[in-house]
C-alpha atoms as a PDB file:
ATOM      1  CA  GLY A   1      74.670 -87.006 -41.918  1.00  0.00           C
ATOM      2  CA  ILE A   2      76.676 -90.185 -42.199  1.00  0.00           C
ATOM      3  CA  ALA A   3      79.921 -90.679 -44.111  1.00  0.00           C
ATOM      4  CA  TRP A   4      81.219 -94.223 -44.522  1.00  0.00           C
ATOM      5  CA  ASN A   5      84.287 -95.878 -45.986  1.00  0.00           C
ATOM      6  CA  GLU A   6      85.907 -99.262 -45.308  1.00  0.00           C
ATOM      7  CA  ALA A   7      89.150 -97.488 -44.330  1.00  0.00           C
ATOM      8  CA  GLY A   8      87.248 -95.315 -41.837  1.00  0.00           C
ATOM      9  CA  ILE A   9      86.397 -91.623 -42.025  1.00  0.00           C
ATOM     10  CA  PHE A  10      89.005 -89.188 -40.712  1.00  0.00           C
ATOM     11  CA  GLU A  11      87.193 -85.865 -41.176  1.00  0.00           C
ATOM     12  CA  VAL A  12      84.181 -84.277 -42.872  1.00  0.00           C
ATOM     13  CA  PHE A  13      83.779 -80.708 -44.083  1.00  0.00           C
ATOM     14  CA  VAL A  14      80.506 -78.966 -44.940  1.00  0.00           C
ATOM     15  CA  ASN A  15      80.932 -75.861 -47.101  1.00  0.00           C
ATOM     16  CA  GLY A  16      84.600 -75.768 -46.107  1.00  0.00           C
ATOM     17  CA  ARG A  17      84.015 -75.923 -42.351  1.00  0.00           C
ATOM     18  CA  GLU A  18      84.965 -78.989 -40.328  1.00  0.00           C
ATOM     19  CA  ALA A  19      81.916 -80.904 -39.106  1.00  0.00           C
ATOM     20  CA  ALA A  20      81.606 -82.438 -35.642  1.00  0.00           C
ATOM     21  CA  MET A  21      82.266 -86.176 -35.888  1.00  0.00           C
ATOM     22  CA  GLY A  22      80.459 -88.824 -33.890  1.00  0.00           C
ATOM     23  CA  ALA A  23      80.496 -92.601 -33.808  1.00  0.00           C
ATOM     24  CA  ASN A  24      80.195 -94.740 -36.949  1.00  0.00           C
ATOM     25  CA  GLY A  25      80.868 -91.894 -39.396  1.00  0.00           C
ATOM     26  CA  GLU A  26      78.062 -89.685 -38.131  1.00  0.00           C
ATOM     27  CA  PHE A  27      78.684 -85.976 -38.561  1.00  0.00           C
ATOM     28  CA  LEU A  28      76.883 -82.784 -37.633  1.00  0.00           C
ATOM     29  CA  ALA A  29      77.198 -79.337 -39.176  1.00  0.00           C
ATOM     30  CA  GLU A  30      75.089 -76.217 -38.985  1.00  0.00           C
ATOM     31  CA  VAL A  31      74.370 -74.495 -42.282  1.00  0.00           C
ATOM     32  CA  LYS A  32      72.443 -71.239 -42.419  1.00  0.00           C
ATOM     33  CA  LEU A  33      70.001 -71.308 -45.305  1.00  0.00           C
ATOM     34  CA  ALA A  34      68.871 -68.218 -47.159  1.00  0.00           C
ATOM     35  CA  VAL A  35      65.439 -68.169 -48.783  1.00  0.00           C
ATOM     36  CA  GLY A  36      65.774 -69.797 -52.206  1.00  0.00           C
ATOM     37  CA  GLU A  37      68.490 -72.124 -53.493  1.00  0.00           C
ATOM     38  CA  ASN A  38      71.462 -72.927 -51.266  1.00  0.00           C
ATOM     39  CA  LYS A  39      74.492 -74.888 -52.454  1.00  0.00           C
ATOM     40  CA  VAL A  40      75.965 -77.312 -49.912  1.00  0.00           C
ATOM     41  CA  VAL A  41      79.212 -79.231 -50.446  1.00  0.00           C
ATOM     42  CA  VAL A  42      80.071 -82.174 -48.189  1.00  0.00           C
ATOM     43  CA  ARG A  43      83.684 -83.379 -48.370  1.00  0.00           C
ATOM     44  CA  ALA A  44      84.743 -86.550 -46.553  1.00  0.00           C
ATOM     45  CA  VAL A  45      88.355 -87.647 -46.068  1.00  0.00           C
ATOM     46  CA  ASP A  46      89.158 -91.223 -45.087  1.00  0.00           C
ATOM     47  CA  LYS A  47      92.048 -92.406 -42.917  1.00  0.00           C
ATOM     48  CA  GLN A  48      94.142 -93.055 -46.048  1.00  0.00           C
ATOM     49  CA  GLU A  49      93.677 -89.379 -47.069  1.00  0.00           C
ATOM     50  CA  ASN A  50      91.359 -90.166 -49.994  1.00  0.00           C
ATOM     51  CA  ALA A  51      88.643 -87.538 -50.366  1.00  0.00           C
ATOM     52  CA  THR A  52      85.280 -87.373 -52.075  1.00  0.00           C
ATOM     53  CA  GLU A  53      82.724 -84.582 -52.420  1.00  0.00           C
ATOM     54  CA  ARG A  54      78.987 -84.517 -52.839  1.00  0.00           C
ATOM     55  CA  HIS A  55      77.147 -81.393 -53.979  1.00  0.00           C
ATOM     56  CA  PHE A  56      73.591 -80.656 -52.902  1.00  0.00           C
ATOM     57  CA  THR A  57      71.085 -77.901 -53.594  1.00  0.00           C
ATOM     58  CA  ILE A  58      68.682 -77.202 -50.754  1.00  0.00           C
ATOM     59  CA  VAL A  59      65.712 -74.925 -51.418  1.00  0.00           C
ATOM     60  CA  ARG A  60      64.371 -72.961 -48.483  1.00  0.00           C
ATOM     61  CA  GLU A  61      60.850 -71.668 -48.901  1.00  0.00           C
ATOM     62  CA  PRO A  62      59.883 -68.322 -47.339  1.00  0.00           C
ATOM     63  CA  ASP A  63      58.486 -68.595 -43.832  1.00  0.00           C
ATOM     64  CA  ALA A  64      54.716 -68.874 -43.775  1.00  0.00           C
ATOM     65  CA  SER A  65      52.740 -65.806 -42.766  1.00  0.00           C
ATOM     66  CA  PHE A  66      49.713 -66.097 -40.539  1.00  0.00           C
ATOM     67  CA  ILE A  67      46.830 -63.657 -40.529  1.00  0.00           C
ATOM     68  CA  ARG A  68      44.629 -63.758 -37.495  1.00  0.00           C
ATOM     69  CA  LYS A  69      40.941 -63.038 -38.109  1.00  0.00           C
ATOM     70  CA  GLU A  70      39.051 -61.498 -35.259  1.00  0.00           C
END
């Protein structure tokens, strides 16, 4: 994702775990998704120690099954 603030982003957390930060506020985090609804919280902290959170719900559908006809 990307987190942006005029003061600059200091750190980002995804579900309480620190995300890897890249250039220009880009961040990367791995989140394991169970089948069904998954709550994800992204918390960004700027260089002045102001923080904001965004809450997301991600729905993972069951993996597709394939039946091979012979």
